Amino acid sequence: MGTLSFDLLLGDVRSLKEKRSVVRPIVAELQRKYAVSAAEVDHMDLHRRAVVGLALVSGDAGHLSEVLDRCERLVAARPEVELLSVRRRFHGEDD
């Protein structure tokens, strides 16, 4: 299993409603394109910050890395957000 978390700075966002209109499409696209579990997981009460987390389970480590790379590129390419940091973890049977 692999996980990613993206710390995002949102553009010109003045309310939590506007924040949702930016974050939800990103989460939905990750889920639709890559069949990952994804959600906003932190900074829920801040207008211009969001942490989006995702998880993927695969029996093939190469496939896992490839999908996580694609997810990271997708989020990094979104013009409405600035990607501040990415945290990637691989989890084994003992975790």
N, C-alpha and C. Protein backbone atom coordinates (compact mmCIF):
# COMPACT_ATOMS: atom_id res chain seq x y z
N MET A 1 0.85 -1.17 0.00
CA MET A 1 0.00 0.00 0.00
C MET A 1 0.89 1.23 0.00
N GLY A 2 0.44 2.27 -0.69
CA GLY A 2 1.16 3.53 -0.71
C GLY A 2 0.21 4.67 -0.40
N THR A 3 0.76 5.71 0.21
CA THR A 3 -0.03 6.89 0.51
C THR A 3 0.73 8.13 0.06
N LEU A 4 -0.03 9.14 -0.29
CA LEU A 4 0.50 10.47 -0.59
C LEU A 4 -0.32 11.48 0.17
N SER A 5 0.34 12.54 0.62
CA SER A 5 -0.41 13.68 1.14
C SER A 5 0.19 14.94 0.53
N PHE A 6 -0.69 15.79 0.06
CA PHE A 6 -0.32 17.03 -0.61
C PHE A 6 -0.71 18.21 0.27
N ASP A 7 0.25 19.05 0.60
CA ASP A 7 -0.04 20.29 1.32
C ASP A 7 -0.19 21.37 0.25
N LEU A 8 -1.38 21.94 0.16
CA LEU A 8 -1.70 22.86 -0.92
C LEU A 8 -1.98 24.27 -0.40
N LEU A 9 -1.50 25.25 -1.14
CA LEU A 9 -1.87 26.64 -0.92
C LEU A 9 -2.81 27.00 -2.06
N LEU A 10 -4.01 27.44 -1.71
CA LEU A 10 -5.02 27.76 -2.70
C LEU A 10 -4.88 29.20 -3.14
N GLY A 11 -5.31 29.47 -4.35
CA GLY A 11 -5.20 30.81 -4.91
C GLY A 11 -6.13 31.81 -4.23
N ASP A 12 -6.85 32.54 -5.01
CA ASP A 12 -7.72 33.62 -4.53
C ASP A 12 -9.01 33.03 -3.97
N VAL A 13 -8.94 32.51 -2.76
CA VAL A 13 -10.07 31.87 -2.10
C VAL A 13 -10.42 32.67 -0.85
N ARG A 14 -11.69 33.06 -0.73
CA ARG A 14 -12.10 33.92 0.39
C ARG A 14 -13.08 33.27 1.35
N SER A 15 -13.49 32.04 1.06
CA SER A 15 -14.45 31.38 1.95
C SER A 15 -14.24 29.87 1.88
N LEU A 16 -14.81 29.19 2.86
CA LEU A 16 -14.71 27.73 2.85
C LEU A 16 -15.50 27.14 1.68
N LYS A 17 -16.56 27.81 1.27
CA LYS A 17 -17.34 27.36 0.11
C LYS A 17 -16.49 27.43 -1.16
N GLU A 18 -15.75 28.52 -1.34
CA GLU A 18 -14.85 28.63 -2.49
C GLU A 18 -13.75 27.58 -2.41
N LYS A 19 -13.26 27.34 -1.19
CA LYS A 19 -12.23 26.32 -1.01
C LYS A 19 -12.73 24.97 -1.49
N ARG A 20 -13.94 24.60 -1.09
CA ARG A 20 -14.51 23.32 -1.51
C ARG A 20 -14.62 23.23 -3.03
N SER A 21 -14.92 24.36 -3.68
CA SER A 21 -15.06 24.35 -5.14
C SER A 21 -13.72 24.15 -5.84
N VAL A 22 -12.62 24.35 -5.13
CA VAL A 22 -11.29 24.09 -5.68
C VAL A 22 -10.83 22.67 -5.32
N VAL A 23 -11.04 22.26 -4.08
CA VAL A 23 -10.51 20.99 -3.59
C VAL A 23 -11.32 19.80 -4.12
N ARG A 24 -12.62 19.89 -4.12
CA ARG A 24 -13.44 18.75 -4.54
C ARG A 24 -13.14 18.25 -5.95
N PRO A 25 -12.97 19.14 -6.94
CA PRO A 25 -12.64 18.62 -8.28
C PRO A 25 -11.29 17.91 -8.34
N ILE A 26 -10.34 18.34 -7.55
CA ILE A 26 -9.03 17.67 -7.51
C ILE A 26 -9.20 16.26 -6.95
N VAL A 27 -9.90 16.15 -5.83
CA VAL A 27 -10.14 14.85 -5.21
C VAL A 27 -10.91 13.94 -6.17
N ALA A 28 -11.94 14.47 -6.81
CA ALA A 28 -12.75 13.67 -7.73
C ALA A 28 -11.93 13.19 -8.93
N GLU A 29 -11.07 14.04 -9.45
CA GLU A 29 -10.25 13.64 -10.60
C GLU A 29 -9.25 12.55 -10.22
N LEU A 30 -8.64 12.67 -9.05
CA LEU A 30 -7.74 11.62 -8.58
C LEU A 30 -8.48 10.28 -8.45
N GLN A 31 -9.66 10.32 -7.88
CA GLN A 31 -10.45 9.10 -7.71
C GLN A 31 -10.85 8.50 -9.05
N ARG A 32 -11.30 9.35 -9.95
CA ARG A 32 -11.80 8.88 -11.25
C ARG A 32 -10.67 8.36 -12.13
N LYS A 33 -9.58 9.10 -12.24
CA LYS A 33 -8.50 8.73 -13.16
C LYS A 33 -7.66 7.57 -12.66
N TYR A 34 -7.45 7.49 -11.36
CA TYR A 34 -6.46 6.55 -10.84
C TYR A 34 -7.02 5.54 -9.84
N ALA A 35 -8.31 5.54 -9.61
CA ALA A 35 -8.96 4.57 -8.72
C ALA A 35 -8.29 4.51 -7.35
N VAL A 36 -7.98 5.69 -6.80
CA VAL A 36 -7.40 5.79 -5.46
C VAL A 36 -8.47 6.26 -4.49
N SER A 37 -8.24 6.04 -3.23
CA SER A 37 -9.08 6.63 -2.19
C SER A 37 -8.46 7.98 -1.87
N ALA A 38 -9.24 9.05 -1.95
CA ALA A 38 -8.71 10.39 -1.74
C ALA A 38 -9.72 11.25 -0.99
N ALA A 39 -9.19 12.18 -0.18
CA ALA A 39 -10.05 13.09 0.58
C ALA A 39 -9.22 14.26 1.10
N GLU A 40 -9.91 15.35 1.43
CA GLU A 40 -9.25 16.42 2.16
C GLU A 40 -9.10 15.94 3.60
N VAL A 41 -7.89 16.01 4.14
CA VAL A 41 -7.63 15.40 5.44
C VAL A 41 -7.13 16.35 6.52
N ASP A 42 -6.82 17.60 6.17
CA ASP A 42 -6.34 18.54 7.18
C ASP A 42 -6.57 19.97 6.72
N HIS A 43 -6.43 20.90 7.65
CA HIS A 43 -6.66 22.34 7.43
C HIS A 43 -8.09 22.62 6.98
N MET A 44 -9.02 21.87 7.51
CA MET A 44 -10.42 22.00 7.11
C MET A 44 -11.00 23.39 7.40
N ASP A 45 -10.47 24.06 8.40
CA ASP A 45 -11.04 25.34 8.81
C ASP A 45 -10.29 26.54 8.23
N LEU A 46 -9.26 26.30 7.41
CA LEU A 46 -8.50 27.39 6.79
C LEU A 46 -8.96 27.58 5.35
N HIS A 47 -9.10 28.83 4.93
CA HIS A 47 -9.61 29.13 3.59
C HIS A 47 -8.60 28.80 2.49
N ARG A 48 -7.34 29.11 2.72
CA ARG A 48 -6.36 29.04 1.64
C ARG A 48 -5.40 27.87 1.74
N ARG A 49 -5.61 26.98 2.68
CA ARG A 49 -4.74 25.80 2.82
C ARG A 49 -5.59 24.55 2.82
N ALA A 50 -5.01 23.48 2.27
CA ALA A 50 -5.68 22.18 2.28
C ALA A 50 -4.62 21.10 2.24
N VAL A 51 -4.92 19.99 2.88
CA VAL A 51 -4.10 18.79 2.74
C VAL A 51 -5.01 17.73 2.15
N VAL A 52 -4.60 17.21 1.00
CA VAL A 52 -5.33 16.13 0.34
C VAL A 52 -4.50 14.87 0.51
N GLY A 53 -5.15 13.82 1.01
CA GLY A 53 -4.48 12.55 1.19
C GLY A 53 -5.08 11.51 0.27
N LEU A 54 -4.24 10.56 -0.14
CA LEU A 54 -4.76 9.47 -0.95
C LEU A 54 -4.03 8.18 -0.60
N ALA A 55 -4.69 7.08 -0.87
CA ALA A 55 -4.12 5.76 -0.62
C ALA A 55 -4.44 4.85 -1.78
N LEU A 56 -3.52 3.92 -2.03
CA LEU A 56 -3.68 2.95 -3.10
C LEU A 56 -3.10 1.63 -2.64
N VAL A 57 -3.81 0.56 -2.92
CA VAL A 57 -3.33 -0.78 -2.59
C VAL A 57 -3.04 -1.50 -3.89
N SER A 58 -1.84 -2.12 -3.97
CA SER A 58 -1.47 -2.88 -5.15
C SER A 58 -0.48 -3.96 -4.74
N GLY A 59 -0.55 -5.08 -5.39
CA GLY A 59 0.40 -6.16 -5.14
C GLY A 59 1.70 -5.97 -5.89
N ASP A 60 1.76 -4.98 -6.77
CA ASP A 60 2.93 -4.72 -7.61
C ASP A 60 3.54 -3.37 -7.23
N ALA A 61 4.74 -3.39 -6.65
CA ALA A 61 5.38 -2.15 -6.20
C ALA A 61 5.65 -1.19 -7.35
N GLY A 62 5.98 -1.70 -8.51
CA GLY A 62 6.22 -0.84 -9.68
C GLY A 62 4.96 -0.11 -10.10
N HIS A 63 3.84 -0.82 -10.13
CA HIS A 63 2.56 -0.20 -10.46
C HIS A 63 2.19 0.85 -9.42
N LEU A 64 2.42 0.53 -8.17
CA LEU A 64 2.12 1.45 -7.08
C LEU A 64 2.89 2.76 -7.25
N SER A 65 4.20 2.66 -7.48
CA SER A 65 5.03 3.86 -7.68
C SER A 65 4.57 4.66 -8.89
N GLU A 66 4.24 3.98 -9.96
CA GLU A 66 3.82 4.65 -11.18
C GLU A 66 2.53 5.45 -10.96
N VAL A 67 1.56 4.85 -10.30
CA VAL A 67 0.28 5.54 -10.06
C VAL A 67 0.49 6.72 -9.11
N LEU A 68 1.29 6.54 -8.06
CA LEU A 68 1.55 7.65 -7.14
C LEU A 68 2.27 8.79 -7.86
N ASP A 69 3.21 8.47 -8.75
CA ASP A 69 3.88 9.50 -9.55
C ASP A 69 2.88 10.27 -10.40
N ARG A 70 1.97 9.56 -11.03
CA ARG A 70 0.96 10.22 -11.88
C ARG A 70 0.05 11.12 -11.05
N CYS A 71 -0.33 10.65 -9.87
CA CYS A 71 -1.17 11.47 -8.99
C CYS A 71 -0.44 12.75 -8.60
N GLU A 72 0.83 12.62 -8.26
CA GLU A 72 1.61 13.79 -7.88
C GLU A 72 1.72 14.78 -9.04
N ARG A 73 1.96 14.29 -10.23
CA ARG A 73 2.06 15.18 -11.40
C ARG A 73 0.73 15.88 -11.67
N LEU A 74 -0.38 15.16 -11.51
CA LEU A 74 -1.69 15.76 -11.73
C LEU A 74 -1.92 16.93 -10.78
N VAL A 75 -1.64 16.73 -9.50
CA VAL A 75 -1.88 17.81 -8.52
C VAL A 75 -0.90 18.96 -8.76
N ALA A 76 0.35 18.65 -9.05
CA ALA A 76 1.35 19.70 -9.27
C ALA A 76 1.01 20.56 -10.49
N ALA A 77 0.32 19.99 -11.45
CA ALA A 77 -0.01 20.71 -12.68
C ALA A 77 -1.25 21.59 -12.56
N ARG A 78 -1.97 21.49 -11.46
CA ARG A 78 -3.20 22.28 -11.31
C ARG A 78 -2.83 23.75 -11.09
N PRO A 79 -3.27 24.66 -11.97
CA PRO A 79 -2.87 26.06 -11.86
C PRO A 79 -3.51 26.80 -10.68
N GLU A 80 -4.62 26.28 -10.16
CA GLU A 80 -5.33 26.99 -9.09
C GLU A 80 -4.75 26.71 -7.70
N VAL A 81 -3.76 25.82 -7.62
CA VAL A 81 -3.14 25.52 -6.33
C VAL A 81 -1.62 25.55 -6.46
N GLU A 82 -0.97 25.84 -5.35
CA GLU A 82 0.48 25.73 -5.27
C GLU A 82 0.79 24.55 -4.37
N LEU A 83 1.57 23.63 -4.88
CA LEU A 83 1.94 22.44 -4.13
C LEU A 83 3.12 22.79 -3.22
N LEU A 84 2.84 22.87 -1.91
CA LEU A 84 3.87 23.25 -0.95
C LEU A 84 4.77 22.07 -0.58
N SER A 85 4.17 20.90 -0.40
CA SER A 85 4.97 19.71 -0.09
C SER A 85 4.17 18.45 -0.40
N VAL A 86 4.91 17.37 -0.56
CA VAL A 86 4.32 16.06 -0.81
C VAL A 86 4.98 15.08 0.14
N ARG A 87 4.18 14.26 0.77
CA ARG A 87 4.70 13.21 1.63
C ARG A 87 4.25 11.87 1.06
N ARG A 88 5.21 11.02 0.75
CA ARG A 88 4.93 9.72 0.16
C ARG A 88 5.41 8.64 1.13
N ARG A 89 4.54 7.64 1.33
CA ARG A 89 4.91 6.51 2.20
C ARG A 89 4.48 5.22 1.56
N PHE A 90 5.32 4.21 1.73
CA PHE A 90 4.99 2.86 1.31
C PHE A 90 4.83 2.04 2.58
N HIS A 91 3.77 1.27 2.62
CA HIS A 91 3.44 0.48 3.80
C HIS A 91 3.54 -1.00 3.45
N GLY A 92 4.21 -1.75 4.29
CA GLY A 92 4.34 -3.18 4.07
C GLY A 92 3.40 -3.97 4.94
N GLU A 93 3.53 -5.27 4.89
CA GLU A 93 2.67 -6.15 5.65
C GLU A 93 2.80 -5.93 7.15
N ASP A 94 3.96 -5.47 7.60
CA ASP A 94 4.22 -5.32 9.04
C ASP A 94 3.72 -4.01 9.62
N ASP A 95 3.24 -3.09 8.75
CA ASP A 95 2.78 -1.78 9.25
C ASP A 95 1.40 -1.85 9.84
